[in-house]
Amino acid sequence: MAKEPKDYVREHLDKRGIDPATLPDDVIETFNAFSRGELKKADDLGAALMDAGSVDPQQKISAVH
């Protein structure tokens, strides 16, 4: 049985046009481990990185890790 995202994780994915069914269970488990507040902070970081035009995509991804 596939892992189901928490409601706020589903909202997060839906906002981005991502069908949770297309993600592996370990990714859903990882998303579910975030609290709503932590996911918001990750969103804020992602938005700041997307707005950082001078940062190349690989650095943006690495910055999250």
C-alpha atoms as a PDB file:
ATOM      1  CA  MET A   1       0.000   0.000   0.000  1.00  0.00           C
ATOM      2  CA  ALA A   2       1.379   3.411  -0.989  1.00  0.00           C
ATOM      3  CA  LYS A   3       2.161   5.955   1.688  1.00  0.00           C
ATOM      4  CA  GLU A   4      -0.392   8.750   1.985  1.00  0.00           C
ATOM      5  CA  PRO A   5       0.702  12.352   2.532  1.00  0.00           C
ATOM      6  CA  LYS A   6      -0.646  14.308   5.476  1.00  0.00           C
ATOM      7  CA  ASP A   7      -3.273  16.878   4.495  1.00  0.00           C
ATOM      8  CA  TYR A   8      -0.874  19.834   4.582  1.00  0.00           C
ATOM      9  CA  VAL A   9       1.722  17.872   2.603  1.00  0.00           C
ATOM     10  CA  ARG A  10      -0.934  17.096  -0.008  1.00  0.00           C
ATOM     11  CA  GLU A  11      -1.768  20.841  -0.161  1.00  0.00           C
ATOM     12  CA  HIS A  12       1.940  21.642  -0.599  1.00  0.00           C
ATOM     13  CA  LEU A  13       2.241  19.167  -3.475  1.00  0.00           C
ATOM     14  CA  ASP A  14      -1.071  20.150  -5.072  1.00  0.00           C
ATOM     15  CA  LYS A  15       0.001  23.808  -5.116  1.00  0.00           C
ATOM     16  CA  ARG A  16       2.992  22.735  -7.194  1.00  0.00           C
ATOM     17  CA  GLY A  17       1.049  20.462  -9.512  1.00  0.00           C
ATOM     18  CA  ILE A  18       2.688  17.317  -8.126  1.00  0.00           C
ATOM     19  CA  ASP A  19       0.608  14.174  -7.836  1.00  0.00           C
ATOM     20  CA  PRO A  20       1.697  12.424  -4.614  1.00  0.00           C
ATOM     21  CA  ALA A  21       1.102   9.069  -6.337  1.00  0.00           C
ATOM     22  CA  THR A  22       4.069   9.827  -8.622  1.00  0.00           C
ATOM     23  CA  LEU A  23       6.465  10.088  -5.668  1.00  0.00           C
ATOM     24  CA  PRO A  24       8.183   7.127  -4.011  1.00  0.00           C
ATOM     25  CA  ASP A  25       7.009   6.145  -0.531  1.00  0.00           C
ATOM     26  CA  ASP A  26      10.284   7.288   1.060  1.00  0.00           C
ATOM     27  CA  VAL A  27       9.740  10.802  -0.349  1.00  0.00           C
ATOM     28  CA  ILE A  28       6.192  10.921   1.070  1.00  0.00           C
ATOM     29  CA  GLU A  29       7.509   9.645   4.422  1.00  0.00           C
ATOM     30  CA  THR A  30      10.122  12.396   4.422  1.00  0.00           C
ATOM     31  CA  PHE A  31       7.523  15.060   3.617  1.00  0.00           C
ATOM     32  CA  ASN A  32       5.252  13.670   6.347  1.00  0.00           C
ATOM     33  CA  ALA A  33       8.094  13.998   8.869  1.00  0.00           C
ATOM     34  CA  PHE A  34       8.002  17.787   8.454  1.00  0.00           C
ATOM     35  CA  SER A  35       5.684  19.736  10.683  1.00  0.00           C
ATOM     36  CA  ARG A  36       3.472  22.315   8.984  1.00  0.00           C
ATOM     37  CA  GLY A  37       5.833  25.054  10.246  1.00  0.00           C
ATOM     38  CA  GLU A  38       8.944  23.266   9.028  1.00  0.00           C
ATOM     39  CA  LEU A  39       7.409  22.783   5.592  1.00  0.00           C
ATOM     40  CA  LYS A  40       6.611  26.517   5.509  1.00  0.00           C
ATOM     41  CA  LYS A  41      10.245  27.316   6.304  1.00  0.00           C
ATOM     42  CA  ALA A  42      11.365  24.992   3.511  1.00  0.00           C
ATOM     43  CA  ASP A  43       8.938  26.827   1.193  1.00  0.00           C
ATOM     44  CA  ASP A  44      10.429  30.160   2.250  1.00  0.00           C
ATOM     45  CA  LEU A  45      13.935  28.883   1.562  1.00  0.00           C
ATOM     46  CA  GLY A  46      12.870  27.561  -1.834  1.00  0.00           C
ATOM     47  CA  ALA A  47      11.273  30.889  -2.748  1.00  0.00           C
ATOM     48  CA  ALA A  48      14.383  32.812  -1.706  1.00  0.00           C
ATOM     49  CA  LEU A  49      16.575  30.482  -3.751  1.00  0.00           C
ATOM     50  CA  MET A  50      14.297  30.726  -6.792  1.00  0.00           C
ATOM     51  CA  ASP A  51      14.543  34.533  -6.571  1.00  0.00           C
ATOM     52  CA  ALA A  52      18.346  34.367  -6.321  1.00  0.00           C
ATOM     53  CA  GLY A  53      18.957  34.732 -10.045  1.00  0.00           C
ATOM     54  CA  SER A  54      22.738  34.728  -9.735  1.00  0.00           C
ATOM     55  CA  VAL A  55      22.816  31.300  -8.063  1.00  0.00           C
ATOM     56  CA  ASP A  56      23.029  28.390 -10.494  1.00  0.00           C
ATOM     57  CA  PRO A  57      20.467  25.567 -10.195  1.00  0.00           C
ATOM     58  CA  GLN A  58      22.945  23.040  -8.766  1.00  0.00           C
ATOM     59  CA  GLN A  59      23.896  25.462  -5.980  1.00  0.00           C
ATOM     60  CA  LYS A  60      20.220  26.039  -5.241  1.00  0.00           C
ATOM     61  CA  ILE A  61      19.655  22.313  -4.813  1.00  0.00           C
ATOM     62  CA  SER A  62      22.831  21.935  -2.731  1.00  0.00           C
ATOM     63  CA  ALA A  63      21.850  24.836  -0.485  1.00  0.00           C
ATOM     64  CA  VAL A  64      18.774  22.908   0.628  1.00  0.00           C
ATOM     65  CA  HIS A  65      20.894  19.949   1.648  1.00  0.00           C
END
